[in-house]
């Protein structure tokens, strides 16, 4: 990172189950992306950061059984609510990778890197 900036790393995060009684049901890609991004927003806020401070993201996508492929459009529908908007115009560097995840029912995992000018 650039001198004079603090760097923050947010480990791979997956969605919570929709119903704790059924831990393998985390919903579809859209539901999972929304849940994960909301969780990450809370983690950012705990460090005094926003999505505008995110400089890099790695997104891991699993084939959605209902679609027979990854739901990249579903991911993007939630992503576009947080990045590149009128109120938050910044867009981080992003990589999306088609993978298998060890967490049952997980279709999405997201990790972030954020940077903010040191105070």
C-alpha atoms as a PDB file:
ATOM      1  CA  UNK A   1       0.000   0.000   0.000  1.00  0.00           C
ATOM      2  CA  UNK A   2       0.913   3.631  -0.274  1.00  0.00           C
ATOM      3  CA  UNK A   3       3.005   5.206   2.490  1.00  0.00           C
ATOM      4  CA  UNK A   4       0.909   7.073   5.024  1.00  0.00           C
ATOM      5  CA  UNK A   5      -2.068   4.717   4.691  1.00  0.00           C
ATOM      6  CA  UNK A   6      -3.294   2.023   7.053  1.00  0.00           C
ATOM      7  CA  UNK A   7      -4.333  -1.229   5.396  1.00  0.00           C
ATOM      8  CA  UNK A   8      -7.140  -3.446   6.686  1.00  0.00           C
ATOM      9  CA  UNK A   9      -7.733  -7.056   5.635  1.00  0.00           C
ATOM     10  CA  UNK A  10     -11.135  -8.686   6.013  1.00  0.00           C
ATOM     11  CA  UNK A  11     -11.013 -12.453   5.785  1.00  0.00           C
ATOM     12  CA  UNK A  12     -13.296 -14.531   3.585  1.00  0.00           C
ATOM     13  CA  UNK A  13     -16.865 -14.151   4.814  1.00  0.00           C
ATOM     14  CA  UNK A  14     -19.823 -16.382   3.998  1.00  0.00           C
ATOM     15  CA  UNK A  15     -23.550 -15.889   4.540  1.00  0.00           C
ATOM     16  CA  UNK A  16     -25.413 -16.854   7.671  1.00  0.00           C
ATOM     17  CA  UNK A  17     -28.088 -19.558   7.385  1.00  0.00           C
ATOM     18  CA  UNK A  18     -31.541 -18.194   6.552  1.00  0.00           C
ATOM     19  CA  UNK A  19     -32.928 -20.378   9.343  1.00  0.00           C
ATOM     20  CA  UNK A  20     -30.629 -21.520  12.158  1.00  0.00           C
ATOM     21  CA  UNK A  21     -32.577 -24.798  12.281  1.00  0.00           C
ATOM     22  CA  UNK A  22     -31.335 -25.551   8.753  1.00  0.00           C
ATOM     23  CA  UNK A  23     -27.681 -24.428   8.682  1.00  0.00           C
ATOM     24  CA  UNK A  24     -27.137 -25.587   5.088  1.00  0.00           C
ATOM     25  CA  UNK A  25     -29.813 -23.217   3.688  1.00  0.00           C
ATOM     26  CA  UNK A  26     -28.061 -19.916   3.116  1.00  0.00           C
ATOM     27  CA  UNK A  27     -30.306 -18.849   0.240  1.00  0.00           C
ATOM     28  CA  UNK A  28     -29.455 -18.090  -3.363  1.00  0.00           C
ATOM     29  CA  UNK A  29     -26.542 -16.002  -4.623  1.00  0.00           C
ATOM     30  CA  UNK A  30     -28.432 -12.707  -4.297  1.00  0.00           C
ATOM     31  CA  UNK A  31     -29.491 -13.443  -0.718  1.00  0.00           C
ATOM     32  CA  UNK A  32     -26.003 -14.592   0.228  1.00  0.00           C
ATOM     33  CA  UNK A  33     -24.259 -11.615  -1.378  1.00  0.00           C
ATOM     34  CA  UNK A  34     -26.623  -9.235   0.427  1.00  0.00           C
ATOM     35  CA  UNK A  35     -26.021 -10.954   3.784  1.00  0.00           C
ATOM     36  CA  UNK A  36     -22.244 -11.030   3.328  1.00  0.00           C
ATOM     37  CA  UNK A  37     -22.000  -7.404   2.206  1.00  0.00           C
ATOM     38  CA  UNK A  38     -24.127  -6.318   5.171  1.00  0.00           C
ATOM     39  CA  UNK A  39     -21.822  -8.250   7.518  1.00  0.00           C
ATOM     40  CA  UNK A  40     -18.740  -6.737   5.877  1.00  0.00           C
ATOM     41  CA  UNK A  41     -20.242  -3.261   6.148  1.00  0.00           C
ATOM     42  CA  UNK A  42     -20.551  -3.801   9.903  1.00  0.00           C
ATOM     43  CA  UNK A  43     -16.935  -5.007  10.090  1.00  0.00           C
ATOM     44  CA  UNK A  44     -15.775  -1.956   8.140  1.00  0.00           C
ATOM     45  CA  UNK A  45     -17.751   0.373  10.411  1.00  0.00           C
ATOM     46  CA  UNK A  46     -16.118  -1.171  13.496  1.00  0.00           C
ATOM     47  CA  UNK A  47     -12.793   0.054  12.072  1.00  0.00           C
ATOM     48  CA  UNK A  48     -14.122   3.497  11.118  1.00  0.00           C
ATOM     49  CA  UNK A  49     -14.287   2.535   7.430  1.00  0.00           C
ATOM     50  CA  UNK A  50     -16.904   2.460   4.674  1.00  0.00           C
ATOM     51  CA  UNK A  51     -17.229   0.675   1.352  1.00  0.00           C
ATOM     52  CA  UNK A  52     -15.561   3.780  -0.102  1.00  0.00           C
ATOM     53  CA  UNK A  53     -12.334   2.703   1.619  1.00  0.00           C
ATOM     54  CA  UNK A  54     -12.313  -0.738  -0.008  1.00  0.00           C
ATOM     55  CA  UNK A  55      -9.524  -0.994  -2.579  1.00  0.00           C
ATOM     56  CA  UNK A  56      -9.617  -4.700  -3.458  1.00  0.00           C
ATOM     57  CA  UNK A  57     -12.064  -7.593  -3.280  1.00  0.00           C
ATOM     58  CA  UNK A  58     -11.866 -11.291  -3.968  1.00  0.00           C
ATOM     59  CA  UNK A  59     -15.195 -12.967  -4.610  1.00  0.00           C
ATOM     60  CA  UNK A  60     -15.526 -16.743  -4.681  1.00  0.00           C
ATOM     61  CA  UNK A  61     -18.615 -18.099  -6.434  1.00  0.00           C
ATOM     62  CA  UNK A  62     -20.020 -21.632  -6.420  1.00  0.00           C
ATOM     63  CA  UNK A  63     -22.334 -23.049  -9.069  1.00  0.00           C
ATOM     64  CA  UNK A  64     -25.921 -22.305  -8.025  1.00  0.00           C
ATOM     65  CA  UNK A  65     -27.749 -25.660  -8.305  1.00  0.00           C
ATOM     66  CA  UNK A  66     -30.971 -23.878  -9.328  1.00  0.00           C
ATOM     67  CA  UNK A  67     -29.194 -22.176 -12.257  1.00  0.00           C
ATOM     68  CA  UNK A  68     -26.608 -24.764 -13.242  1.00  0.00           C
ATOM     69  CA  UNK A  69     -23.856 -22.108 -13.259  1.00  0.00           C
ATOM     70  CA  UNK A  70     -22.537 -19.293 -11.109  1.00  0.00           C
ATOM     71  CA  UNK A  71     -24.955 -16.390 -10.714  1.00  0.00           C
ATOM     72  CA  UNK A  72     -22.614 -13.517 -11.545  1.00  0.00           C
ATOM     73  CA  UNK A  73     -25.573 -11.257 -12.370  1.00  0.00           C
ATOM     74  CA  UNK A  74     -27.050 -11.980  -8.943  1.00  0.00           C
ATOM     75  CA  UNK A  75     -23.777 -11.043  -7.269  1.00  0.00           C
ATOM     76  CA  UNK A  76     -23.555  -7.849  -9.335  1.00  0.00           C
ATOM     77  CA  UNK A  77     -27.113  -6.830  -8.430  1.00  0.00           C
ATOM     78  CA  UNK A  78     -26.090  -6.598  -4.764  1.00  0.00           C
ATOM     79  CA  UNK A  79     -22.586  -5.290  -5.480  1.00  0.00           C
ATOM     80  CA  UNK A  80     -23.999  -2.360  -7.449  1.00  0.00           C
ATOM     81  CA  UNK A  81     -25.983  -1.232  -4.392  1.00  0.00           C
ATOM     82  CA  UNK A  82     -22.725  -0.620  -2.485  1.00  0.00           C
ATOM     83  CA  UNK A  83     -20.075   0.287  -5.067  1.00  0.00           C
ATOM     84  CA  UNK A  84     -20.186   2.805  -7.909  1.00  0.00           C
ATOM     85  CA  UNK A  85     -23.324   4.543  -6.673  1.00  0.00           C
ATOM     86  CA  UNK A  86     -24.150   8.240  -6.549  1.00  0.00           C
ATOM     87  CA  UNK A  87     -23.506   8.276  -2.794  1.00  0.00           C
ATOM     88  CA  UNK A  88     -20.461   5.961  -2.897  1.00  0.00           C
ATOM     89  CA  UNK A  89     -18.804   6.224  -6.328  1.00  0.00           C
ATOM     90  CA  UNK A  90     -15.622   4.269  -5.545  1.00  0.00           C
ATOM     91  CA  UNK A  91     -15.135   0.831  -7.088  1.00  0.00           C
ATOM     92  CA  UNK A  92     -12.467  -1.518  -5.790  1.00  0.00           C
ATOM     93  CA  UNK A  93     -10.336  -3.791  -7.904  1.00  0.00           C
ATOM     94  CA  UNK A  94     -12.274  -7.071  -7.938  1.00  0.00           C
ATOM     95  CA  UNK A  95     -11.622 -10.653  -8.906  1.00  0.00           C
ATOM     96  CA  UNK A  96     -14.402 -13.237  -9.118  1.00  0.00           C
ATOM     97  CA  UNK A  97     -13.365 -16.871  -9.119  1.00  0.00           C
ATOM     98  CA  UNK A  98     -15.484 -19.988  -9.743  1.00  0.00           C
ATOM     99  CA  UNK A  99     -14.682 -22.403  -6.904  1.00  0.00           C
ATOM    100  CA  UNK A 100     -15.986 -25.075  -4.596  1.00  0.00           C
ATOM    101  CA  UNK A 101     -16.367 -23.946  -0.975  1.00  0.00           C
ATOM    102  CA  UNK A 102     -16.191 -26.250   2.041  1.00  0.00           C
ATOM    103  CA  UNK A 103     -19.140 -24.602   3.829  1.00  0.00           C
ATOM    104  CA  UNK A 104     -22.350 -26.531   3.029  1.00  0.00           C
ATOM    105  CA  UNK A 105     -24.821 -24.369   1.111  1.00  0.00           C
ATOM    106  CA  UNK A 106     -22.357 -21.517   0.583  1.00  0.00           C
ATOM    107  CA  UNK A 107     -22.535 -20.052  -2.921  1.00  0.00           C
ATOM    108  CA  UNK A 108     -20.533 -16.880  -2.197  1.00  0.00           C
ATOM    109  CA  UNK A 109     -17.513 -15.901  -0.125  1.00  0.00           C
ATOM    110  CA  UNK A 110     -16.054 -12.397  -0.139  1.00  0.00           C
ATOM    111  CA  UNK A 111     -12.814 -10.998   1.260  1.00  0.00           C
ATOM    112  CA  UNK A 112     -11.878  -7.320   1.233  1.00  0.00           C
ATOM    113  CA  UNK A 113      -8.850  -5.085   1.547  1.00  0.00           C
ATOM    114  CA  UNK A 114      -9.429  -1.492   2.638  1.00  0.00           C
ATOM    115  CA  UNK A 115      -7.035   1.429   3.030  1.00  0.00           C
ATOM    116  CA  UNK A 116      -7.392   4.751   4.770  1.00  0.00           C
ATOM    117  CA  UNK A 117      -5.023   7.669   5.243  1.00  0.00           C
ATOM    118  CA  UNK A 118      -3.260   7.316   8.592  1.00  0.00           C
ATOM    119  CA  UNK A 119      -4.208   9.900  11.178  1.00  0.00           C
END
